[in-house]
Structure formats: structure tokens, C-alpha cells
Amino acid sequence: MKRFRMYFQHAFNPLHVYCRLTDLGMRRGTARRLCLAYERLVYCRVG
């Protein structure tokens, strides 16, 4: 279970999400704004 939690934290880290979005072709500015909102609204409340 600890491995799953560590992978989950890594995969949903805002920086990791940003990198995956830019890899998929999203503009850097758009990905940045989206991840900033994600970090503020979702990621900080989970941990």
C-alpha cells in the first residue's frame, strides 16, 4: 500500500502533471495556469 501511495503522490504532483500536459502538446502558459489552479484547489487539500 505504501508503494501505491508514493506513486500516487508522484503522479499527481503538480509539476509532474505540468510536464505531462506539455508532453501532450499543451502550451506552456496554459498548462502552467491549469496546474496552478489544480495545486491550489485540489492538491493542497488532499495532503
N, C-alpha and C. Protein backbone atom coordinates (compact mmCIF):
# COMPACT_ATOMS: atom_id res chain seq x y z
N MET A 1 0.83 -1.20 0.00
CA MET A 1 0.00 0.00 0.00
C MET A 1 0.87 1.26 0.00
N LYS A 2 2.02 1.19 0.66
CA LYS A 2 2.90 2.35 0.71
C LYS A 2 3.43 2.69 -0.69
N ARG A 3 3.73 1.67 -1.50
CA ARG A 3 4.21 1.91 -2.86
C ARG A 3 3.15 2.63 -3.69
N PHE A 4 1.90 2.21 -3.54
CA PHE A 4 0.81 2.84 -4.27
C PHE A 4 0.69 4.31 -3.87
N ARG A 5 0.78 4.57 -2.60
CA ARG A 5 0.67 5.96 -2.11
C ARG A 5 1.80 6.81 -2.65
N MET A 6 3.01 6.27 -2.65
CA MET A 6 4.16 7.02 -3.17
C MET A 6 4.01 7.29 -4.67
N TYR A 7 3.53 6.30 -5.43
CA TYR A 7 3.31 6.50 -6.86
C TYR A 7 2.21 7.54 -7.08
N PHE A 8 1.14 7.45 -6.32
CA PHE A 8 0.03 8.39 -6.44
C PHE A 8 0.50 9.82 -6.18
N GLN A 9 1.31 10.01 -5.13
CA GLN A 9 1.82 11.33 -4.82
C GLN A 9 2.71 11.85 -5.94
N HIS A 10 3.50 10.97 -6.53
CA HIS A 10 4.38 11.38 -7.62
C HIS A 10 3.58 11.72 -8.88
N ALA A 11 2.67 10.85 -9.25
CA ALA A 11 1.93 11.02 -10.50
C ALA A 11 1.01 12.24 -10.48
N PHE A 12 0.51 12.60 -9.32
CA PHE A 12 -0.41 13.73 -9.23
C PHE A 12 0.23 14.99 -8.67
N ASN A 13 1.54 14.99 -8.58
CA ASN A 13 2.29 16.19 -8.21
C ASN A 13 2.07 17.24 -9.30
N PRO A 14 1.77 18.48 -8.95
CA PRO A 14 1.50 19.50 -9.97
C PRO A 14 2.62 19.67 -11.00
N LEU A 15 3.86 19.55 -10.60
CA LEU A 15 4.95 19.67 -11.57
C LEU A 15 4.94 18.50 -12.54
N HIS A 16 4.66 17.31 -12.06
CA HIS A 16 4.58 16.14 -12.92
C HIS A 16 3.41 16.28 -13.90
N VAL A 17 2.29 16.75 -13.41
CA VAL A 17 1.12 16.97 -14.27
C VAL A 17 1.45 18.00 -15.34
N TYR A 18 2.13 19.07 -14.96
CA TYR A 18 2.54 20.10 -15.92
C TYR A 18 3.39 19.50 -17.03
N CYS A 19 4.36 18.70 -16.65
CA CYS A 19 5.25 18.08 -17.64
C CYS A 19 4.47 17.18 -18.59
N ARG A 20 3.54 16.40 -18.06
CA ARG A 20 2.76 15.51 -18.92
C ARG A 20 1.87 16.31 -19.86
N LEU A 21 1.30 17.41 -19.39
CA LEU A 21 0.45 18.24 -20.25
C LEU A 21 1.26 18.85 -21.40
N THR A 22 2.45 19.33 -21.10
CA THR A 22 3.29 19.90 -22.16
C THR A 22 3.77 18.81 -23.11
N ASP A 23 4.00 17.61 -22.60
CA ASP A 23 4.36 16.49 -23.47
C ASP A 23 3.24 16.15 -24.44
N LEU A 24 2.01 16.36 -24.00
CA LEU A 24 0.85 16.09 -24.84
C LEU A 24 0.57 17.21 -25.84
N GLY A 25 1.34 18.29 -25.76
CA GLY A 25 1.20 19.36 -26.74
C GLY A 25 0.50 20.62 -26.25
N MET A 26 0.16 20.69 -24.99
CA MET A 26 -0.49 21.88 -24.47
C MET A 26 0.55 23.00 -24.35
N ARG A 27 0.12 24.21 -24.62
CA ARG A 27 1.03 25.36 -24.47
C ARG A 27 1.50 25.48 -23.04
N ARG A 28 2.71 25.95 -22.87
CA ARG A 28 3.31 26.06 -21.53
C ARG A 28 2.49 26.97 -20.61
N GLY A 29 2.06 28.11 -21.12
CA GLY A 29 1.29 29.05 -20.30
C GLY A 29 -0.04 28.47 -19.86
N THR A 30 -0.71 27.79 -20.76
CA THR A 30 -1.99 27.16 -20.44
C THR A 30 -1.80 26.06 -19.41
N ALA A 31 -0.79 25.22 -19.62
CA ALA A 31 -0.51 24.13 -18.68
C ALA A 31 -0.13 24.70 -17.31
N ARG A 32 0.62 25.78 -17.31
CA ARG A 32 1.02 26.40 -16.04
C ARG A 32 -0.18 26.90 -15.26
N ARG A 33 -1.07 27.62 -15.94
CA ARG A 33 -2.26 28.15 -15.27
C ARG A 33 -3.16 27.03 -14.77
N LEU A 34 -3.32 26.01 -15.57
CA LEU A 34 -4.14 24.88 -15.19
C LEU A 34 -3.56 24.17 -13.96
N CYS A 35 -2.26 23.97 -13.95
CA CYS A 35 -1.62 23.30 -12.81
C CYS A 35 -1.61 24.17 -11.56
N LEU A 36 -1.52 25.46 -11.75
CA LEU A 36 -1.58 26.36 -10.61
C LEU A 36 -2.95 26.27 -9.94
N ALA A 37 -4.00 26.27 -10.75
CA ALA A 37 -5.35 26.12 -10.20
C ALA A 37 -5.52 24.75 -9.56
N TYR A 38 -5.01 23.72 -10.23
CA TYR A 38 -5.08 22.35 -9.69
C TYR A 38 -4.38 22.27 -8.33
N GLU A 39 -3.20 22.88 -8.24
CA GLU A 39 -2.45 22.85 -6.99
C GLU A 39 -3.21 23.54 -5.87
N ARG A 40 -3.78 24.68 -6.16
CA ARG A 40 -4.48 25.45 -5.13
C ARG A 40 -5.81 24.82 -4.72
N LEU A 41 -6.54 24.30 -5.68
CA LEU A 41 -7.89 23.81 -5.40
C LEU A 41 -7.96 22.34 -4.99
N VAL A 42 -7.03 21.52 -5.48
CA VAL A 42 -7.14 20.08 -5.24
C VAL A 42 -5.96 19.53 -4.47
N TYR A 43 -4.75 19.75 -4.96
CA TYR A 43 -3.58 19.08 -4.44
C TYR A 43 -3.28 19.44 -2.97
N CYS A 44 -3.39 20.67 -2.61
CA CYS A 44 -3.09 21.09 -1.23
C CYS A 44 -4.11 20.58 -0.24
N ARG A 45 -5.32 20.34 -0.67
CA ARG A 45 -6.38 19.87 0.23
C ARG A 45 -6.30 18.37 0.48
N VAL A 46 -5.69 17.63 -0.45
CA VAL A 46 -5.61 16.18 -0.33
C VAL A 46 -4.60 15.79 0.72
N GLY A 47 -3.43 16.44 0.71
CA GLY A 47 -2.34 16.06 1.60
C GLY A 47 -2.55 16.51 2.96
